[in-house]
PDB file of N, CA and C in Angstrom:
ATOM      1  N   MET A   1      59.095  12.026 -44.443  1.00  0.00           N
ATOM      2  CA  MET A   1      58.940  10.721 -43.544  1.00  0.00           C
ATOM      3  C   MET A   1      58.384  10.020 -44.418  1.00  0.00           C
ATOM      4  N   THR A   2      58.425   8.609 -43.969  1.00  0.00           N
ATOM      5  CA  THR A   2      57.325   7.676 -44.776  1.00  0.00           C
ATOM      6  C   THR A   2      56.388   7.578 -43.802  1.00  0.00           C
ATOM      7  N   PHE A   3      55.419   6.785 -44.508  1.00  0.00           N
ATOM      8  CA  PHE A   3      54.264   6.580 -43.524  1.00  0.00           C
ATOM      9  C   PHE A   3      54.398   5.947 -42.494  1.00  0.00           C
ATOM     10  N   GLU A   4      55.453   4.626 -42.505  1.00  0.00           N
ATOM     11  CA  GLU A   4      55.634   4.582 -41.262  1.00  0.00           C
ATOM     12  C   GLU A   4      56.235   4.698 -40.091  1.00  0.00           C
ATOM     13  N   GLU A   5      57.309   5.727 -40.706  1.00  0.00           N
ATOM     14  CA  GLU A   5      57.764   6.764 -39.739  1.00  0.00           C
ATOM     15  C   GLU A   5      56.982   7.605 -39.018  1.00  0.00           C
ATOM     16  N   SER A   6      55.959   8.345 -39.988  1.00  0.00           N
ATOM     17  CA  SER A   6      54.883   9.242 -39.350  1.00  0.00           C
ATOM     18  C   SER A   6      54.008   8.519 -38.399  1.00  0.00           C
ATOM     19  N   LEU A   7      53.479   7.371 -38.774  1.00  0.00           N
ATOM     20  CA  LEU A   7      52.748   6.544 -37.830  1.00  0.00           C
ATOM     21  C   LEU A   7      53.462   6.150 -36.491  1.00  0.00           C
ATOM     22  N   LYS A   8      54.623   5.823 -36.403  1.00  0.00           N
ATOM     23  CA  LYS A   8      55.109   5.573 -35.277  1.00  0.00           C
ATOM     24  C   LYS A   8      55.578   7.265 -34.620  1.00  0.00           C
ATOM     25  N   ARG A   9      55.807   8.093 -35.104  1.00  0.00           N
ATOM     26  CA  ARG A   9      55.910   9.333 -34.637  1.00  0.00           C
ATOM     27  C   ARG A   9      54.597   9.530 -33.671  1.00  0.00           C
ATOM     28  N   LEU A  10      53.807   9.688 -34.514  1.00  0.00           N
ATOM     29  CA  LEU A  10      52.264   9.890 -34.097  1.00  0.00           C
ATOM     30  C   LEU A  10      51.855   9.157 -32.739  1.00  0.00           C
ATOM     31  N   GLU A  11      52.446   7.877 -32.864  1.00  0.00           N
ATOM     32  CA  GLU A  11      52.075   7.010 -31.410  1.00  0.00           C
ATOM     33  C   GLU A  11      52.823   7.147 -30.592  1.00  0.00           C
ATOM     34  N   GLU A  12      53.810   7.785 -30.970  1.00  0.00           N
ATOM     35  CA  GLU A  12      54.890   8.320 -29.638  1.00  0.00           C
ATOM     36  C   GLU A  12      54.242   9.712 -29.031  1.00  0.00           C
ATOM     37  N   ILE A  13      53.427  10.334 -29.753  1.00  0.00           N
ATOM     38  CA  ILE A  13      52.922  11.970 -29.339  1.00  0.00           C
ATOM     39  C   ILE A  13      51.662  11.334 -28.665  1.00  0.00           C
ATOM     40  N   VAL A  14      50.871  10.446 -28.980  1.00  0.00           N
ATOM     41  CA  VAL A  14      49.840   9.993 -28.293  1.00  0.00           C
ATOM     42  C   VAL A  14      49.974   9.717 -26.839  1.00  0.00           C
ATOM     43  N   ARG A  15      51.096   8.877 -26.903  1.00  0.00           N
ATOM     44  CA  ARG A  15      51.837   8.352 -25.794  1.00  0.00           C
ATOM     45  C   ARG A  15      52.039   9.053 -24.557  1.00  0.00           C
ATOM     46  N   GLN A  16      52.782   9.987 -25.170  1.00  0.00           N
ATOM     47  CA  GLN A  16      53.300  11.230 -24.395  1.00  0.00           C
ATOM     48  C   GLN A  16      52.084  12.155 -23.784  1.00  0.00           C
ATOM     49  N   MET A  17      51.069  12.355 -24.580  1.00  0.00           N
ATOM     50  CA  MET A  17      49.822  13.269 -24.068  1.00  0.00           C
ATOM     51  C   MET A  17      49.070  12.559 -23.316  1.00  0.00           C
ATOM     52  N   GLU A  18      48.963  10.767 -23.490  1.00  0.00           N
ATOM     53  CA  GLU A  18      47.935  10.472 -22.724  1.00  0.00           C
ATOM     54  C   GLU A  18      48.575  10.165 -21.195  1.00  0.00           C
ATOM     55  N   GLN A  19      49.875  10.324 -21.167  1.00  0.00           N
ATOM     56  CA  GLN A  19      50.561  10.347 -19.551  1.00  0.00           C
ATOM     57  C   GLN A  19      50.234  11.588 -18.742  1.00  0.00           C
ATOM     58  N   GLY A  20      49.781  12.478 -19.417  1.00  0.00           N
ATOM     59  CA  GLY A  20      49.233  13.508 -18.504  1.00  0.00           C
ATOM     60  C   GLY A  20      50.127  14.353 -18.077  1.00  0.00           C
ATOM     61  N   ASN A  21      51.850  14.241 -18.147  1.00  0.00           N
ATOM     62  CA  ASN A  21      52.452  15.001 -17.249  1.00  0.00           C
ATOM     63  C   ASN A  21      53.190  15.950 -18.424  1.00  0.00           C
ATOM     64  N   VAL A  22      52.924  16.352 -19.389  1.00  0.00           N
ATOM     65  CA  VAL A  22      53.429  17.300 -20.524  1.00  0.00           C
ATOM     66  C   VAL A  22      52.648  18.628 -19.930  1.00  0.00           C
ATOM     67  N   PRO A  23      53.757  19.940 -20.025  1.00  0.00           N
ATOM     68  CA  PRO A  23      53.472  21.084 -19.909  1.00  0.00           C
ATOM     69  C   PRO A  23      52.292  21.434 -20.853  1.00  0.00           C
ATOM     70  N   LEU A  24      51.591  22.577 -20.523  1.00  0.00           N
ATOM     71  CA  LEU A  24      50.553  22.713 -21.458  1.00  0.00           C
ATOM     72  C   LEU A  24      50.979  23.033 -22.891  1.00  0.00           C
ATOM     73  N   GLN A  25      52.084  23.987 -22.793  1.00  0.00           N
ATOM     74  CA  GLN A  25      53.028  24.697 -23.894  1.00  0.00           C
ATOM     75  C   GLN A  25      53.318  23.285 -25.022  1.00  0.00           C
ATOM     76  N   GLU A  26      54.061  22.118 -24.344  1.00  0.00           N
ATOM     77  CA  GLU A  26      54.197  21.460 -24.812  1.00  0.00           C
ATOM     78  C   GLU A  26      53.491  20.444 -25.508  1.00  0.00           C
ATOM     79  N   SER A  27      52.424  20.338 -24.690  1.00  0.00           N
ATOM     80  CA  SER A  27      50.917  19.575 -25.369  1.00  0.00           C
ATOM     81  C   SER A  27      50.336  19.995 -26.375  1.00  0.00           C
ATOM     82  N   LEU A  28      50.311  21.353 -26.620  1.00  0.00           N
ATOM     83  CA  LEU A  28      49.527  22.480 -27.703  1.00  0.00           C
ATOM     84  C   LEU A  28      51.009  21.895 -28.683  1.00  0.00           C
ATOM     85  N   ASN A  29      52.317  22.062 -28.635  1.00  0.00           N
ATOM     86  CA  ASN A  29      53.370  22.030 -29.749  1.00  0.00           C
ATOM     87  C   ASN A  29      52.932  20.243 -30.297  1.00  0.00           C
ATOM     88  N   LEU A  30      52.859  19.354 -29.404  1.00  0.00           N
ATOM     89  CA  LEU A  30      52.934  17.978 -29.833  1.00  0.00           C
ATOM     90  C   LEU A  30      51.445  17.862 -30.543  1.00  0.00           C
ATOM     91  N   PHE A  31      50.364  18.432 -30.025  1.00  0.00           N
ATOM     92  CA  PHE A  31      48.957  18.316 -30.676  1.00  0.00           C
ATOM     93  C   PHE A  31      49.056  18.739 -32.121  1.00  0.00           C
ATOM     94  N   GLU A  32      49.918  20.170 -32.172  1.00  0.00           N
ATOM     95  CA  GLU A  32      49.971  20.416 -33.584  1.00  0.00           C
ATOM     96  C   GLU A  32      50.784  19.674 -34.385  1.00  0.00           C
ATOM     97  N   GLU A  33      52.000  19.063 -34.056  1.00  0.00           N
ATOM     98  CA  GLU A  33      52.796  17.989 -34.594  1.00  0.00           C
ATOM     99  C   GLU A  33      51.802  16.798 -34.912  1.00  0.00           C
ATOM    100  N   GLY A  34      51.351  16.514 -34.027  1.00  0.00           N
ATOM    101  CA  GLY A  34      50.539  15.163 -34.149  1.00  0.00           C
ATOM    102  C   GLY A  34      49.188  15.466 -35.487  1.00  0.00           C
ATOM    103  N   SER A  35      48.907  16.700 -35.364  1.00  0.00           N
ATOM    104  CA  SER A  35      47.636  17.259 -36.439  1.00  0.00           C
ATOM    105  C   SER A  35      48.012  16.996 -37.823  1.00  0.00           C
ATOM    106  N   LYS A  36      49.413  17.432 -37.875  1.00  0.00           N
ATOM    107  CA  LYS A  36      50.080  17.436 -39.157  1.00  0.00           C
ATOM    108  C   LYS A  36      50.301  16.319 -39.776  1.00  0.00           C
ATOM    109  N   LEU A  37      51.022  15.294 -38.772  1.00  0.00           N
ATOM    110  CA  LEU A  37      51.009  13.975 -39.158  1.00  0.00           C
ATOM    111  C   LEU A  37      50.119  12.770 -39.832  1.00  0.00           C
ATOM    112  N   ALA A  38      49.085  13.229 -38.693  1.00  0.00           N
ATOM    113  CA  ALA A  38      47.621  12.628 -39.334  1.00  0.00           C
ATOM    114  C   ALA A  38      47.098  13.078 -40.284  1.00  0.00           C
ATOM    115  N   ARG A  39      47.497  14.314 -40.592  1.00  0.00           N
ATOM    116  CA  ARG A  39      46.931  14.873 -42.013  1.00  0.00           C
ATOM    117  C   ARG A  39      47.794  14.114 -43.362  1.00  0.00           C
ATOM    118  N   ALA A  40      49.164  14.089 -43.203  1.00  0.00           N
ATOM    119  CA  ALA A  40      50.195  13.748 -43.925  1.00  0.00           C
ATOM    120  C   ALA A  40      50.158  12.091 -44.080  1.00  0.00           C
ATOM    121  N   CYS A  41      49.634  11.224 -42.986  1.00  0.00           N
ATOM    122  CA  CYS A  41      49.192   9.863 -43.109  1.00  0.00           C
ATOM    123  C   CYS A  41      48.096   9.549 -43.895  1.00  0.00           C
ATOM    124  N   ALA A  42      46.944  10.531 -43.831  1.00  0.00           N
ATOM    125  CA  ALA A  42      45.612  10.491 -44.456  1.00  0.00           C
ATOM    126  C   ALA A  42      46.177  10.604 -45.754  1.00  0.00           C
ATOM    127  N   SER A  43      46.860  11.611 -46.262  1.00  0.00           N
ATOM    128  CA  SER A  43      47.058  11.732 -47.703  1.00  0.00           C
ATOM    129  C   SER A  43      47.943  10.821 -48.492  1.00  0.00           C
ATOM    130  N   MET A  44      48.990  10.228 -47.755  1.00  0.00           N
ATOM    131  CA  MET A  44      49.554   9.216 -48.266  1.00  0.00           C
ATOM    132  C   MET A  44      48.632   7.962 -48.558  1.00  0.00           C
ATOM    133  N   LEU A  45      47.854   7.572 -47.404  1.00  0.00           N
ATOM    134  CA  LEU A  45      46.904   6.724 -47.588  1.00  0.00           C
ATOM    135  C   LEU A  45      46.027   6.982 -48.772  1.00  0.00           C
ATOM    136  N   ASP A  46      45.550   7.985 -49.038  1.00  0.00           N
ATOM    137  CA  ASP A  46      44.862   8.347 -50.152  1.00  0.00           C
ATOM    138  C   ASP A  46      45.436   8.058 -51.368  1.00  0.00           C
ATOM    139  N   GLU A  47      46.800   8.590 -51.576  1.00  0.00           N
ATOM    140  CA  GLU A  47      47.440   8.157 -52.402  1.00  0.00           C
ATOM    141  C   GLU A  47      47.712   7.022 -52.919  1.00  0.00           C
ATOM    142  N   ALA A  48      47.801   6.263 -51.863  1.00  0.00           N
ATOM    143  CA  ALA A  48      48.109   4.786 -52.036  1.00  0.00           C
ATOM    144  C   ALA A  48      46.873   4.086 -52.540  1.00  0.00           C
ATOM    145  N   GLU A  49      45.890   4.386 -51.815  1.00  0.00           N
ATOM    146  CA  GLU A  49      44.431   4.077 -52.598  1.00  0.00           C
ATOM    147  C   GLU A  49      43.958   4.298 -53.964  1.00  0.00           C
ATOM    148  N   CYS A  50      44.418   5.320 -54.510  1.00  0.00           N
ATOM    149  CA  CYS A  50      44.295   5.865 -55.983  1.00  0.00           C
ATOM    150  C   CYS A  50      45.240   5.198 -56.972  1.00  0.00           C
ATOM    151  N   LYS A  51      46.476   4.294 -56.132  1.00  0.00           N
ATOM    152  CA  LYS A  51      47.352   3.871 -57.115  1.00  0.00           C
ATOM    153  C   LYS A  51      46.668   2.306 -57.377  1.00  0.00           C
ATOM    154  N   VAL A  52      46.326   1.932 -56.341  1.00  0.00           N
ATOM    155  CA  VAL A  52      45.551   0.182 -55.976  1.00  0.00           C
ATOM    156  C   VAL A  52      44.344   0.455 -57.323  1.00  0.00           C
ATOM    157  N   VAL A  53      43.525   1.602 -56.917  1.00  0.00           N
ATOM    158  CA  VAL A  53      42.442   1.558 -57.982  1.00  0.00           C
ATOM    159  C   VAL A  53      43.013   1.785 -59.673  1.00  0.00           C
ATOM    160  N   ARG A  54      43.862   2.339 -59.618  1.00  0.00           N
ATOM    161  CA  ARG A  54      44.716   2.422 -61.098  1.00  0.00           C
ATOM    162  C   ARG A  54      45.070   1.077 -61.572  1.00  0.00           C
ATOM    163  N   LEU A  55      45.694   0.352 -60.870  1.00  0.00           N
ATOM    164  CA  LEU A  55      46.363  -1.123 -61.018  1.00  0.00           C
ATOM    165  C   LEU A  55      45.156  -2.062 -61.156  1.00  0.00           C
ATOM    166  N   MET A  56      44.125  -1.764 -60.699  1.00  0.00           N
ATOM    167  CA  MET A  56      43.028  -2.927 -60.748  1.00  0.00           C
ATOM    168  C   MET A  56      42.246  -2.607 -61.766  1.00  0.00           C
ATOM    169  N   LYS A  57      42.385  -1.375 -62.800  1.00  0.00           N
ATOM    170  CA  LYS A  57      41.656  -1.279 -63.821  1.00  0.00           C
ATOM    171  C   LYS A  57      41.902  -1.898 -64.989  1.00  0.00           C
ATOM    172  N   GLY A  58      41.136  -2.460 -65.345  1.00  0.00           N
ATOM    173  CA  GLY A  58      41.406  -3.469 -66.798  1.00  0.00           C
ATOM    174  C   GLY A  58      41.801  -2.576 -68.197  1.00  0.00           C
ATOM    175  N   GLU A  59      41.816  -3.435 -69.163  1.00  0.00           N
ATOM    176  CA  GLU A  59      42.469  -2.382 -70.215  1.00  0.00           C
ATOM    177  C   GLU A  59      41.371  -1.631 -71.152  1.00  0.00           C
ATOM    178  N   ASP A  60      39.804  -1.895 -70.697  1.00  0.00           N
ATOM    179  CA  ASP A  60      38.802  -0.910 -71.226  1.00  0.00           C
ATOM    180  C   ASP A  60      38.753   0.166 -69.953  1.00  0.00           C
ATOM    181  N   GLY A  61      39.581   0.170 -68.836  1.00  0.00           N
ATOM    182  CA  GLY A  61      39.232   1.162 -67.866  1.00  0.00           C
ATOM    183  C   GLY A  61      38.419   0.747 -66.858  1.00  0.00           C
ATOM    184  N   LYS A  62      37.846  -0.438 -66.900  1.00  0.00           N
ATOM    185  CA  LYS A  62      36.733  -0.894 -65.953  1.00  0.00           C
ATOM    186  C   LYS A  62      37.513  -1.482 -65.054  1.00  0.00           C
ATOM    187  N   PRO A  63      37.138  -1.442 -63.554  1.00  0.00           N
ATOM    188  CA  PRO A  63      37.324  -2.202 -62.744  1.00  0.00           C
ATOM    189  C   PRO A  63      37.494  -3.746 -62.806  1.00  0.00           C
ATOM    190  N   VAL A  64      38.575  -4.535 -62.425  1.00  0.00           N
ATOM    191  CA  VAL A  64      38.966  -5.681 -62.743  1.00  0.00           C
ATOM    192  C   VAL A  64      39.172  -6.528 -61.533  1.00  0.00           C
ATOM    193  N   GLU A  65      37.925  -7.697 -60.885  1.00  0.00           N
ATOM    194  CA  GLU A  65      38.013  -8.137 -59.823  1.00  0.00           C
ATOM    195  C   GLU A  65      39.382  -9.067 -59.952  1.00  0.00           C
ATOM    196  N   MET A  66      39.848  -9.019 -58.749  1.00  0.00           N
ATOM    197  CA  MET A  66      41.187  -9.780 -58.860  1.00  0.00           C
ATOM    198  C   MET A  66      41.164 -10.850 -57.526  1.00  0.00           C
ATOM    199  N   GLU A  67      41.582 -11.740 -57.755  1.00  0.00           N
ATOM    200  CA  GLU A  67      41.680 -12.834 -56.399  1.00  0.00           C
ATOM    201  C   GLU A  67      42.808 -12.285 -55.297  1.00  0.00           C
ATOM    202  N   PHE A  68      42.377 -12.329 -54.178  1.00  0.00           N
ATOM    203  CA  PHE A  68      43.234 -11.931 -53.064  1.00  0.00           C
ATOM    204  C   PHE A  68      44.283 -12.774 -52.893  1.00  0.00           C
ATOM    205  N   THR A  69      45.453 -12.384 -52.767  1.00  0.00           N
ATOM    206  CA  THR A  69      46.813 -13.414 -52.831  1.00  0.00           C
ATOM    207  C   THR A  69      47.616 -12.662 -51.264  1.00  0.00           C
ATOM    208  N   ASP A  70      48.301 -13.650 -50.542  1.00  0.00           N
ATOM    209  CA  ASP A  70      48.744 -13.144 -49.555  1.00  0.00           C
ATOM    210  C   ASP A  70      50.372 -12.508 -49.651  1.00  0.00           C
ATOM    211  N   GLY A  71      50.356 -12.485 -51.029  1.00  0.00           N
ATOM    212  CA  GLY A  71      51.916 -11.999 -51.283  1.00  0.00           C
ATOM    213  C   GLY A  71      53.114 -12.676 -51.846  1.00  0.00           C
ATOM    214  N   THR A  72      52.943 -14.251 -51.214  1.00  0.00           N
ATOM    215  CA  THR A  72      54.006 -14.998 -51.120  1.00  0.00           C
ATOM    216  C   THR A  72      54.517 -15.602 -52.533  1.00  0.00           C
ATOM    217  N   ASP A  73      53.288 -15.413 -53.720  1.00  0.00           N
ATOM    218  CA  ASP A  73      53.432 -16.132 -54.711  1.00  0.00           C
ATOM    219  C   ASP A  73      53.955 -14.925 -55.914  1.00  0.00           C
ATOM    220  N   VAL A  74      54.190 -13.981 -55.493  1.00  0.00           N
ATOM    221  CA  VAL A  74      54.517 -12.365 -56.149  1.00  0.00           C
ATOM    222  C   VAL A  74      56.065 -12.832 -56.738  1.00  0.00           C
TER     223      VAL A  74
END
């Protein structure tokens, strides 16, 4: 699953559980699935952060400050 798909499913799970009309066993199953999705999303975010940090390093390996752009000039 992509990050976006995982996040969307996690939001669906939260909505279902917030309604309060899900049987106990199904709630436990949803909680387990949601926990796995949350860990997967956190892992994907960590990986993305590492890539950004690597991309922002200069030739000498030190961080390079880059001007923020909105992405339209890429």
